[in-house]
Amino acid sequence: MRARLLTEIVHVVAGVAAAWAIGSLSAWSYPLGRRDIWTVTWVAMAIVIVLGIRQVRRAMAEERAKGLSDDR
């Protein structure tokens, strides 16, 4: 796994972790809105993953292209 691909994966994981941390602290600080806060948090984490997939796929394609050009 090359640096760019690893970086993109780490960014997605960090984004999901940050969304979870913010949601967790928000739900803790405002118990009356816990269900709504977690709903928004899950949606935000899903969006981070969906947006991150594109970047990960692009990094994988670049790695494959580099691998093919290095073989020649």
C-alpha atoms as a PDB file:
ATOM      1  CA  MET A   1       0.000   0.000   0.000  1.00  0.00           C
ATOM      2  CA  ARG A   2       1.507   3.273  -1.102  1.00  0.00           C
ATOM      3  CA  ALA A   3       1.573   6.588   0.722  1.00  0.00           C
ATOM      4  CA  ARG A   4      -1.302   8.286  -1.133  1.00  0.00           C
ATOM      5  CA  LEU A   5      -3.671   5.369  -0.683  1.00  0.00           C
ATOM      6  CA  LEU A   6      -2.787   5.017   2.978  1.00  0.00           C
ATOM      7  CA  THR A   7      -3.244   8.758   3.480  1.00  0.00           C
ATOM      8  CA  GLU A   8      -6.718   8.688   1.943  1.00  0.00           C
ATOM      9  CA  ILE A   9      -7.776   5.746   4.100  1.00  0.00           C
ATOM     10  CA  VAL A  10      -6.460   7.468   7.226  1.00  0.00           C
ATOM     11  CA  HIS A  11      -8.406  10.614   6.307  1.00  0.00           C
ATOM     12  CA  VAL A  12     -11.648   8.644   6.014  1.00  0.00           C
ATOM     13  CA  VAL A  13     -11.048   6.892   9.333  1.00  0.00           C
ATOM     14  CA  ALA A  14     -10.169  10.201  10.997  1.00  0.00           C
ATOM     15  CA  GLY A  15     -13.321  11.817   9.598  1.00  0.00           C
ATOM     16  CA  VAL A  16     -15.524   9.026  10.895  1.00  0.00           C
ATOM     17  CA  ALA A  17     -13.795   9.150  14.287  1.00  0.00           C
ATOM     18  CA  ALA A  18     -14.215  12.924  14.484  1.00  0.00           C
ATOM     19  CA  ALA A  19     -17.901  12.696  13.592  1.00  0.00           C
ATOM     20  CA  TRP A  20     -18.401   9.989  16.207  1.00  0.00           C
ATOM     21  CA  ALA A  21     -16.557  12.032  18.870  1.00  0.00           C
ATOM     22  CA  ILE A  22     -18.576  15.158  18.136  1.00  0.00           C
ATOM     23  CA  GLY A  23     -21.824  13.174  18.167  1.00  0.00           C
ATOM     24  CA  SER A  24     -20.904  11.430  21.384  1.00  0.00           C
ATOM     25  CA  LEU A  25     -20.025  14.647  23.176  1.00  0.00           C
ATOM     26  CA  SER A  26     -23.117  16.370  21.818  1.00  0.00           C
ATOM     27  CA  ALA A  27     -25.395  13.552  22.964  1.00  0.00           C
ATOM     28  CA  TRP A  28     -23.740  13.587  26.366  1.00  0.00           C
ATOM     29  CA  SER A  29     -24.132  17.337  26.761  1.00  0.00           C
ATOM     30  CA  TYR A  30     -27.764  17.478  25.587  1.00  0.00           C
ATOM     31  CA  PRO A  31     -29.527  14.277  26.675  1.00  0.00           C
ATOM     32  CA  LEU A  32     -32.974  15.421  25.497  1.00  0.00           C
ATOM     33  CA  GLY A  33     -31.779  15.443  21.892  1.00  0.00           C
ATOM     34  CA  ARG A  34     -29.774  12.223  22.085  1.00  0.00           C
ATOM     35  CA  ARG A  35     -31.804  10.327  19.460  1.00  0.00           C
ATOM     36  CA  ASP A  36     -31.759  13.193  16.965  1.00  0.00           C
ATOM     37  CA  ILE A  37     -28.083  13.872  17.564  1.00  0.00           C
ATOM     38  CA  TRP A  38     -27.170  10.243  16.894  1.00  0.00           C
ATOM     39  CA  THR A  39     -29.323  10.197  13.763  1.00  0.00           C
ATOM     40  CA  VAL A  40     -27.460  13.203  12.394  1.00  0.00           C
ATOM     41  CA  THR A  41     -24.142  11.695  13.497  1.00  0.00           C
ATOM     42  CA  TRP A  42     -24.799   8.430  11.633  1.00  0.00           C
ATOM     43  CA  VAL A  43     -25.767  10.350   8.508  1.00  0.00           C
ATOM     44  CA  ALA A  44     -22.619  12.475   8.779  1.00  0.00           C
ATOM     45  CA  MET A  45     -20.440   9.376   9.159  1.00  0.00           C
ATOM     46  CA  ALA A  46     -22.097   7.776   6.135  1.00  0.00           C
ATOM     47  CA  ILE A  47     -21.459  10.919   4.081  1.00  0.00           C
ATOM     48  CA  VAL A  48     -17.799  10.966   5.136  1.00  0.00           C
ATOM     49  CA  ILE A  49     -17.455   7.347   4.011  1.00  0.00           C
ATOM     50  CA  VAL A  50     -19.231   7.919   0.691  1.00  0.00           C
ATOM     51  CA  LEU A  51     -17.136  10.976  -0.096  1.00  0.00           C
ATOM     52  CA  GLY A  52     -13.969   9.176   0.973  1.00  0.00           C
ATOM     53  CA  ILE A  53     -14.604   6.180  -1.279  1.00  0.00           C
ATOM     54  CA  ARG A  54     -14.104   8.341  -4.371  1.00  0.00           C
ATOM     55  CA  GLN A  55     -10.740   9.566  -3.171  1.00  0.00           C
ATOM     56  CA  VAL A  56      -9.625   6.071  -2.179  1.00  0.00           C
ATOM     57  CA  ARG A  57     -10.621   4.710  -5.589  1.00  0.00           C
ATOM     58  CA  ARG A  58      -8.712   7.530  -7.298  1.00  0.00           C
ATOM     59  CA  ALA A  59      -5.620   6.768  -5.223  1.00  0.00           C
ATOM     60  CA  MET A  60      -5.912   3.069  -6.082  1.00  0.00           C
ATOM     61  CA  ALA A  61      -6.173   3.894  -9.795  1.00  0.00           C
ATOM     62  CA  GLU A  62      -3.076   6.092  -9.590  1.00  0.00           C
ATOM     63  CA  GLU A  63      -1.176   3.323  -7.837  1.00  0.00           C
ATOM     64  CA  ARG A  64      -2.179   0.839 -10.548  1.00  0.00           C
ATOM     65  CA  ALA A  65      -1.137   3.291 -13.266  1.00  0.00           C
ATOM     66  CA  LYS A  66       2.231   3.824 -11.593  1.00  0.00           C
ATOM     67  CA  GLY A  67       2.674   0.079 -11.272  1.00  0.00           C
ATOM     68  CA  LEU A  68       1.969  -0.468 -14.984  1.00  0.00           C
ATOM     69  CA  SER A  69       4.305   2.321 -16.091  1.00  0.00           C
ATOM     70  CA  ASP A  70       7.089   1.034 -13.814  1.00  0.00           C
ATOM     71  CA  ASP A  71       6.833  -2.453 -15.328  1.00  0.00           C
ATOM     72  CA  ARG A  72       7.567  -1.261 -18.859  1.00  0.00           C
END
